[in-house]
Amino acid sequence: MIEITPDIMNNQVFVQIKNLSKSQEEKLNKGLHKSGQYNSRFIKKLFREPKTGKIYRVGGRLHQASAPGEAPAILNGELERSVDYNVRKKEMEFGEKVSYAKFLEEGTSKMGARPHLGRTVKETGETIRRIIEKELKK
């Protein structure tokens, strides 16, 4: 999971979110649901981007692995199926439920990172802002 916490750059946004009316809170939560859906679609597209890693045989078929710096390749679909989000009272968690997702994201001493979660948050930030603004304006 990626957590965005208040700091000097985004503290004003967090203060405004804390002071929403009930109607605005419902609109925010709807925007957060739409944002979670958008992020889920985005990260799954990253998994399907062409890969340039090693090619090897898995269960009788050839598999193109991801190279360090690329989003993980789909091997059995477990990582992709684990992508999820949860909205609770003005908060959205977005991430993957499999235990090895962190190792793919950050890498290990024996494997280079396959950034995908942080990349999703970074690359969708402006779109997510627009989604939430649109819902709040309704």
N, C-alpha and C. Protein backbone atom coordinates (compact mmCIF):
# COMPACT_ATOMS: atom_id res chain seq x y z
N MET A 1 0.84 -1.18 0.00
CA MET A 1 0.00 0.00 0.00
C MET A 1 0.88 1.24 0.00
N ILE A 2 0.42 2.26 -0.66
CA ILE A 2 1.08 3.56 -0.66
C ILE A 2 0.26 4.46 0.26
N GLU A 3 0.91 5.13 1.17
CA GLU A 3 0.19 6.02 2.07
C GLU A 3 0.67 7.44 1.84
N ILE A 4 -0.28 8.32 1.64
CA ILE A 4 0.03 9.74 1.49
C ILE A 4 -0.37 10.40 2.79
N THR A 5 0.59 10.99 3.45
CA THR A 5 0.33 11.61 4.74
C THR A 5 0.56 13.11 4.67
N PRO A 6 -0.02 13.82 5.63
CA PRO A 6 0.14 15.28 5.60
C PRO A 6 1.60 15.69 5.70
N ASP A 7 1.98 16.65 4.91
CA ASP A 7 3.28 17.30 5.02
C ASP A 7 3.09 18.76 4.64
N ILE A 8 4.16 19.48 4.58
CA ILE A 8 4.06 20.91 4.30
C ILE A 8 3.42 21.20 2.94
N MET A 9 3.56 20.26 1.98
CA MET A 9 3.04 20.48 0.63
C MET A 9 1.55 20.15 0.52
N ASN A 10 1.05 19.17 1.28
CA ASN A 10 -0.35 18.77 1.09
C ASN A 10 -1.18 18.92 2.36
N ASN A 11 -0.67 19.54 3.39
CA ASN A 11 -1.39 19.68 4.65
C ASN A 11 -2.70 20.43 4.48
N GLN A 12 -2.73 21.46 3.65
CA GLN A 12 -3.95 22.24 3.45
C GLN A 12 -5.07 21.37 2.91
N VAL A 13 -4.75 20.46 2.01
CA VAL A 13 -5.77 19.55 1.46
C VAL A 13 -6.33 18.67 2.56
N PHE A 14 -5.47 18.14 3.43
CA PHE A 14 -5.95 17.29 4.51
C PHE A 14 -6.83 18.06 5.49
N VAL A 15 -6.50 19.31 5.76
CA VAL A 15 -7.33 20.13 6.64
C VAL A 15 -8.71 20.33 6.02
N GLN A 16 -8.77 20.61 4.73
CA GLN A 16 -10.04 20.81 4.05
C GLN A 16 -10.87 19.53 4.05
N ILE A 17 -10.23 18.38 3.86
CA ILE A 17 -10.94 17.11 3.84
C ILE A 17 -11.56 16.83 5.21
N LYS A 18 -10.88 17.19 6.27
CA LYS A 18 -11.40 16.96 7.63
C LYS A 18 -12.65 17.79 7.90
N ASN A 19 -12.82 18.91 7.22
CA ASN A 19 -13.92 19.84 7.51
C ASN A 19 -15.05 19.77 6.48
N LEU A 20 -15.27 18.64 5.86
CA LEU A 20 -16.32 18.51 4.85
C LEU A 20 -17.69 18.30 5.50
N SER A 21 -18.73 18.79 4.82
CA SER A 21 -20.10 18.51 5.26
C SER A 21 -20.42 17.05 4.91
N LYS A 22 -21.52 16.55 5.42
CA LYS A 22 -21.93 15.16 5.16
C LYS A 22 -22.12 14.92 3.65
N SER A 23 -22.75 15.88 2.98
CA SER A 23 -22.97 15.77 1.54
C SER A 23 -21.64 15.75 0.78
N GLN A 24 -20.73 16.65 1.16
CA GLN A 24 -19.42 16.69 0.52
C GLN A 24 -18.63 15.42 0.80
N GLU A 25 -18.77 14.89 2.00
CA GLU A 25 -18.07 13.66 2.35
C GLU A 25 -18.54 12.50 1.47
N GLU A 26 -19.86 12.43 1.22
CA GLU A 26 -20.40 11.39 0.34
C GLU A 26 -19.86 11.54 -1.07
N LYS A 27 -19.77 12.78 -1.55
CA LYS A 27 -19.23 13.04 -2.88
C LYS A 27 -17.74 12.68 -2.94
N LEU A 28 -17.01 13.02 -1.89
CA LEU A 28 -15.59 12.67 -1.83
C LEU A 28 -15.42 11.14 -1.88
N ASN A 29 -16.22 10.43 -1.10
CA ASN A 29 -16.10 8.98 -1.08
C ASN A 29 -16.43 8.38 -2.45
N LYS A 30 -17.41 8.96 -3.15
CA LYS A 30 -17.72 8.50 -4.50
C LYS A 30 -16.53 8.75 -5.42
N GLY A 31 -15.91 9.93 -5.28
CA GLY A 31 -14.70 10.22 -6.07
C GLY A 31 -13.56 9.27 -5.73
N LEU A 32 -13.42 8.93 -4.46
CA LEU A 32 -12.38 7.98 -4.06
C LEU A 32 -12.63 6.59 -4.64
N HIS A 33 -13.91 6.17 -4.68
CA HIS A 33 -14.23 4.88 -5.32
C HIS A 33 -13.85 4.91 -6.80
N LYS A 34 -14.22 5.98 -7.48
CA LYS A 34 -13.87 6.09 -8.90
C LYS A 34 -12.36 6.12 -9.08
N SER A 35 -11.67 6.77 -8.15
CA SER A 35 -10.20 6.82 -8.21
C SER A 35 -9.60 5.45 -8.01
N GLY A 36 -10.13 4.68 -7.08
CA GLY A 36 -9.66 3.32 -6.86
C GLY A 36 -9.85 2.45 -8.08
N GLN A 37 -11.00 2.61 -8.72
CA GLN A 37 -11.26 1.85 -9.95
C GLN A 37 -10.28 2.26 -11.05
N TYR A 38 -10.05 3.57 -11.17
CA TYR A 38 -9.12 4.07 -12.18
C TYR A 38 -7.72 3.54 -11.94
N ASN A 39 -7.24 3.62 -10.71
CA ASN A 39 -5.91 3.10 -10.38
C ASN A 39 -5.81 1.61 -10.65
N SER A 40 -6.86 0.87 -10.34
CA SER A 40 -6.85 -0.58 -10.59
C SER A 40 -6.70 -0.88 -12.07
N ARG A 41 -7.43 -0.16 -12.89
CA ARG A 41 -7.29 -0.36 -14.35
C ARG A 41 -5.90 0.03 -14.83
N PHE A 42 -5.39 1.15 -14.31
CA PHE A 42 -4.08 1.65 -14.73
C PHE A 42 -2.98 0.64 -14.40
N ILE A 43 -2.94 0.13 -13.20
CA ILE A 43 -1.86 -0.78 -12.79
C ILE A 43 -1.94 -2.08 -13.59
N LYS A 44 -3.14 -2.52 -13.90
CA LYS A 44 -3.29 -3.75 -14.69
C LYS A 44 -2.78 -3.54 -16.11
N LYS A 45 -2.91 -2.30 -16.63
CA LYS A 45 -2.32 -2.01 -17.95
C LYS A 45 -0.80 -2.06 -17.88
N LEU A 46 -0.22 -1.62 -16.76
CA LEU A 46 1.23 -1.70 -16.60
C LEU A 46 1.70 -3.15 -16.66
N PHE A 47 0.95 -4.06 -16.05
CA PHE A 47 1.33 -5.47 -16.06
C PHE A 47 1.35 -6.02 -17.49
N ARG A 48 0.53 -5.45 -18.35
CA ARG A 48 0.39 -5.96 -19.72
C ARG A 48 1.29 -5.25 -20.74
N GLU A 49 2.06 -4.26 -20.29
CA GLU A 49 3.01 -3.61 -21.18
C GLU A 49 4.05 -4.63 -21.65
N PRO A 50 4.62 -4.43 -22.84
CA PRO A 50 5.67 -5.35 -23.31
C PRO A 50 6.83 -5.40 -22.32
N LYS A 51 7.39 -6.57 -22.16
CA LYS A 51 8.51 -6.78 -21.23
C LYS A 51 9.78 -7.09 -22.01
N THR A 52 10.93 -6.85 -21.35
CA THR A 52 12.22 -7.07 -22.01
C THR A 52 13.15 -7.96 -21.21
N GLY A 53 12.61 -8.64 -20.19
CA GLY A 53 13.44 -9.51 -19.35
C GLY A 53 13.70 -10.85 -20.01
N LYS A 54 14.23 -11.76 -19.23
CA LYS A 54 14.58 -13.10 -19.73
C LYS A 54 13.35 -13.84 -20.23
N ILE A 55 13.60 -14.69 -21.20
CA ILE A 55 12.55 -15.59 -21.69
C ILE A 55 12.91 -16.98 -21.20
N TYR A 56 11.95 -17.61 -20.55
CA TYR A 56 12.20 -18.96 -20.06
C TYR A 56 10.92 -19.78 -20.13
N ARG A 57 11.05 -21.07 -19.96
CA ARG A 57 9.93 -21.99 -20.08
C ARG A 57 9.30 -22.21 -18.70
N VAL A 58 7.98 -22.06 -18.66
CA VAL A 58 7.21 -22.30 -17.44
C VAL A 58 6.04 -23.21 -17.81
N GLY A 59 6.02 -24.39 -17.21
CA GLY A 59 4.91 -25.31 -17.47
C GLY A 59 4.70 -25.60 -18.94
N GLY A 60 5.77 -25.74 -19.68
CA GLY A 60 5.66 -26.08 -21.10
C GLY A 60 5.44 -24.91 -22.03
N ARG A 61 5.38 -23.71 -21.52
CA ARG A 61 5.21 -22.56 -22.42
C ARG A 61 6.29 -21.53 -22.12
N LEU A 62 6.58 -20.68 -23.10
CA LEU A 62 7.58 -19.64 -22.92
C LEU A 62 6.97 -18.44 -22.19
N HIS A 63 7.77 -17.86 -21.32
CA HIS A 63 7.33 -16.70 -20.55
C HIS A 63 8.37 -15.59 -20.70
N GLN A 64 7.90 -14.40 -21.03
CA GLN A 64 8.76 -13.21 -21.09
C GLN A 64 8.68 -12.50 -19.75
N ALA A 65 9.77 -12.50 -19.00
CA ALA A 65 9.80 -11.87 -17.68
C ALA A 65 9.99 -10.36 -17.84
N SER A 66 9.74 -9.65 -16.76
CA SER A 66 10.03 -8.22 -16.74
C SER A 66 11.49 -8.01 -16.39
N ALA A 67 12.04 -6.93 -16.84
CA ALA A 67 13.40 -6.52 -16.48
C ALA A 67 13.31 -5.52 -15.33
N PRO A 68 14.38 -5.34 -14.59
CA PRO A 68 14.36 -4.32 -13.54
C PRO A 68 13.93 -2.97 -14.11
N GLY A 69 13.07 -2.30 -13.38
CA GLY A 69 12.55 -1.00 -13.81
C GLY A 69 11.21 -1.10 -14.52
N GLU A 70 10.84 -2.29 -15.00
CA GLU A 70 9.55 -2.51 -15.64
C GLU A 70 8.55 -3.01 -14.60
N ALA A 71 7.27 -2.80 -14.88
CA ALA A 71 6.24 -3.40 -14.03
C ALA A 71 6.33 -4.92 -14.17
N PRO A 72 5.92 -5.66 -13.16
CA PRO A 72 6.01 -7.12 -13.23
C PRO A 72 5.25 -7.70 -14.42
N ALA A 73 5.80 -8.76 -14.97
CA ALA A 73 5.10 -9.50 -16.02
C ALA A 73 4.06 -10.40 -15.36
N ILE A 74 3.03 -10.74 -16.10
CA ILE A 74 2.01 -11.65 -15.59
C ILE A 74 2.47 -13.08 -15.83
N LEU A 75 2.62 -13.83 -14.75
CA LEU A 75 2.99 -15.24 -14.86
C LEU A 75 1.77 -16.11 -14.66
N ASN A 76 1.11 -15.99 -13.52
CA ASN A 76 -0.09 -16.79 -13.26
C ASN A 76 -1.31 -15.93 -12.94
N GLY A 77 -1.16 -14.63 -12.90
CA GLY A 77 -2.28 -13.72 -12.68
C GLY A 77 -2.60 -13.43 -11.22
N GLU A 78 -1.87 -14.05 -10.30
CA GLU A 78 -2.17 -13.87 -8.88
C GLU A 78 -1.98 -12.41 -8.44
N LEU A 79 -0.89 -11.79 -8.84
CA LEU A 79 -0.63 -10.40 -8.48
C LEU A 79 -1.72 -9.49 -9.04
N GLU A 80 -2.05 -9.68 -10.30
CA GLU A 80 -3.08 -8.86 -10.94
C GLU A 80 -4.43 -9.02 -10.25
N ARG A 81 -4.79 -10.25 -9.89
CA ARG A 81 -6.07 -10.48 -9.20
C ARG A 81 -6.08 -9.90 -7.79
N SER A 82 -4.91 -9.69 -7.21
CA SER A 82 -4.85 -9.18 -5.84
C SER A 82 -4.96 -7.65 -5.76
N VAL A 83 -4.92 -6.97 -6.90
CA VAL A 83 -5.04 -5.50 -6.91
C VAL A 83 -6.42 -5.13 -6.36
N ASP A 84 -6.42 -4.23 -5.39
CA ASP A 84 -7.69 -3.87 -4.77
C ASP A 84 -7.58 -2.47 -4.16
N TYR A 85 -8.72 -1.93 -3.82
CA TYR A 85 -8.76 -0.66 -3.11
C TYR A 85 -9.88 -0.73 -2.09
N ASN A 86 -9.80 0.13 -1.10
CA ASN A 86 -10.82 0.17 -0.06
C ASN A 86 -11.03 1.63 0.33
N VAL A 87 -12.28 2.05 0.36
CA VAL A 87 -12.62 3.42 0.77
C VAL A 87 -13.30 3.36 2.13
N ARG A 88 -12.76 4.14 3.05
CA ARG A 88 -13.33 4.29 4.39
C ARG A 88 -13.29 5.76 4.77
N LYS A 89 -14.37 6.29 5.22
CA LYS A 89 -14.42 7.66 5.75
C LYS A 89 -13.31 8.57 5.26
N LYS A 90 -13.44 9.06 4.08
CA LYS A 90 -12.53 10.07 3.51
C LYS A 90 -11.12 9.55 3.26
N GLU A 91 -10.94 8.26 3.19
CA GLU A 91 -9.64 7.66 2.90
C GLU A 91 -9.79 6.56 1.87
N MET A 92 -8.77 6.40 1.06
CA MET A 92 -8.73 5.28 0.14
C MET A 92 -7.38 4.58 0.27
N GLU A 93 -7.42 3.28 0.44
CA GLU A 93 -6.21 2.46 0.39
C GLU A 93 -6.21 1.78 -0.97
N PHE A 94 -5.06 1.73 -1.57
CA PHE A 94 -4.91 1.09 -2.87
C PHE A 94 -3.65 0.26 -2.83
N GLY A 95 -3.74 -0.97 -3.28
CA GLY A 95 -2.55 -1.82 -3.28
C GLY A 95 -2.84 -3.23 -3.74
N GLU A 96 -1.97 -4.13 -3.33
CA GLU A 96 -2.08 -5.54 -3.70
C GLU A 96 -2.06 -6.38 -2.44
N LYS A 97 -2.76 -7.49 -2.48
CA LYS A 97 -2.92 -8.30 -1.28
C LYS A 97 -1.92 -9.45 -1.17
N VAL A 98 -1.13 -9.70 -2.19
CA VAL A 98 -0.17 -10.80 -2.10
C VAL A 98 1.08 -10.34 -1.36
N SER A 99 1.66 -11.25 -0.60
CA SER A 99 2.80 -10.89 0.26
C SER A 99 4.04 -10.50 -0.53
N TYR A 100 4.19 -10.99 -1.74
CA TYR A 100 5.42 -10.72 -2.50
C TYR A 100 5.37 -9.42 -3.29
N ALA A 101 4.25 -8.71 -3.27
CA ALA A 101 4.12 -7.46 -4.03
C ALA A 101 5.17 -6.44 -3.61
N LYS A 102 5.45 -6.36 -2.32
CA LYS A 102 6.44 -5.41 -1.81
C LYS A 102 7.82 -5.70 -2.38
N PHE A 103 8.17 -6.99 -2.50
CA PHE A 103 9.48 -7.36 -3.03
C PHE A 103 9.60 -6.99 -4.51
N LEU A 104 8.50 -7.13 -5.25
CA LEU A 104 8.50 -6.72 -6.65
C LEU A 104 8.65 -5.20 -6.76
N GLU A 105 7.90 -4.49 -5.95
CA GLU A 105 7.92 -3.02 -5.99
C GLU A 105 9.30 -2.46 -5.62
N GLU A 106 9.87 -2.97 -4.55
CA GLU A 106 11.11 -2.41 -4.02
C GLU A 106 12.37 -3.16 -4.43
N GLY A 107 12.22 -4.39 -4.91
CA GLY A 107 13.37 -5.21 -5.25
C GLY A 107 13.94 -5.88 -4.00
N THR A 108 14.90 -6.74 -4.21
CA THR A 108 15.58 -7.44 -3.12
C THR A 108 17.08 -7.41 -3.41
N SER A 109 17.85 -8.05 -2.57
CA SER A 109 19.30 -8.10 -2.81
C SER A 109 19.62 -8.93 -4.05
N LYS A 110 18.68 -9.76 -4.49
CA LYS A 110 18.91 -10.63 -5.65
C LYS A 110 18.08 -10.27 -6.87
N MET A 111 17.21 -9.26 -6.73
CA MET A 111 16.32 -8.91 -7.83
C MET A 111 16.09 -7.40 -7.85
N GLY A 112 16.24 -6.81 -9.01
CA GLY A 112 15.97 -5.38 -9.16
C GLY A 112 14.48 -5.09 -9.02
N ALA A 113 14.17 -3.88 -8.61
CA ALA A 113 12.78 -3.47 -8.40
C ALA A 113 11.98 -3.49 -9.70
N ARG A 114 10.72 -3.85 -9.56
CA ARG A 114 9.74 -3.78 -10.65
C ARG A 114 8.67 -2.79 -10.20
N PRO A 115 8.98 -1.49 -10.24
CA PRO A 115 8.04 -0.49 -9.71
C PRO A 115 6.73 -0.45 -10.49
N HIS A 116 5.66 -0.51 -9.77
CA HIS A 116 4.35 -0.46 -10.41
C HIS A 116 3.32 0.25 -9.52
N LEU A 117 3.37 0.02 -8.23
CA LEU A 117 2.41 0.65 -7.34
C LEU A 117 2.72 2.14 -7.20
N GLY A 118 3.96 2.47 -6.86
CA GLY A 118 4.35 3.87 -6.75
C GLY A 118 4.21 4.59 -8.08
N ARG A 119 4.55 3.90 -9.16
CA ARG A 119 4.41 4.49 -10.49
C ARG A 119 2.95 4.82 -10.79
N THR A 120 2.05 3.92 -10.40
CA THR A 120 0.63 4.16 -10.62
C THR A 120 0.17 5.41 -9.88
N VAL A 121 0.54 5.50 -8.60
CA VAL A 121 0.14 6.65 -7.79
C VAL A 121 0.70 7.94 -8.40
N LYS A 122 1.96 7.89 -8.81
CA LYS A 122 2.60 9.08 -9.37
C LYS A 122 1.96 9.49 -10.70
N GLU A 123 1.76 8.52 -11.58
CA GLU A 123 1.27 8.85 -12.93
C GLU A 123 -0.22 9.13 -12.99
N THR A 124 -0.99 8.71 -11.99
CA THR A 124 -2.43 8.96 -12.02
C THR A 124 -2.84 10.13 -11.14
N GLY A 125 -1.89 10.72 -10.44
CA GLY A 125 -2.21 11.77 -9.46
C GLY A 125 -3.07 12.90 -10.01
N GLU A 126 -2.71 13.43 -11.15
CA GLU A 126 -3.47 14.55 -11.72
C GLU A 126 -4.88 14.10 -12.13
N THR A 127 -5.00 12.92 -12.71
CA THR A 127 -6.32 12.41 -13.10
C THR A 127 -7.18 12.17 -11.87
N ILE A 128 -6.59 11.62 -10.82
CA ILE A 128 -7.32 11.37 -9.58
C ILE A 128 -7.81 12.69 -9.00
N ARG A 129 -6.97 13.70 -9.01
CA ARG A 129 -7.38 15.02 -8.52
C ARG A 129 -8.60 15.52 -9.29
N ARG A 130 -8.57 15.37 -10.63
CA ARG A 130 -9.71 15.82 -11.46
C ARG A 130 -10.97 15.00 -11.16
N ILE A 131 -10.83 13.69 -10.97
CA ILE A 131 -11.98 12.83 -10.66
C ILE A 131 -12.64 13.30 -9.37
N ILE A 132 -11.83 13.53 -8.35
CA ILE A 132 -12.37 13.94 -7.06
C ILE A 132 -12.97 15.33 -7.13
N GLU A 133 -12.32 16.26 -7.81
CA GLU A 133 -12.86 17.61 -7.98
C GLU A 133 -14.20 17.57 -8.69
N LYS A 134 -14.29 16.76 -9.72
CA LYS A 134 -15.54 16.65 -10.48
C LYS A 134 -16.68 16.15 -9.59
N GLU A 135 -16.40 15.15 -8.75
CA GLU A 135 -17.44 14.63 -7.85
C GLU A 135 -17.84 15.67 -6.82
N LEU A 136 -16.87 16.40 -6.29
CA LEU A 136 -17.18 17.40 -5.27
C LEU A 136 -17.99 18.57 -5.85
N LYS A 137 -17.82 18.85 -7.13
CA LYS A 137 -18.54 19.96 -7.77
C LYS A 137 -19.97 19.60 -8.11
N LYS A 138 -20.28 18.29 -8.16
CA LYS A 138 -21.65 17.87 -8.51
C LYS A 138 -22.64 18.29 -7.45
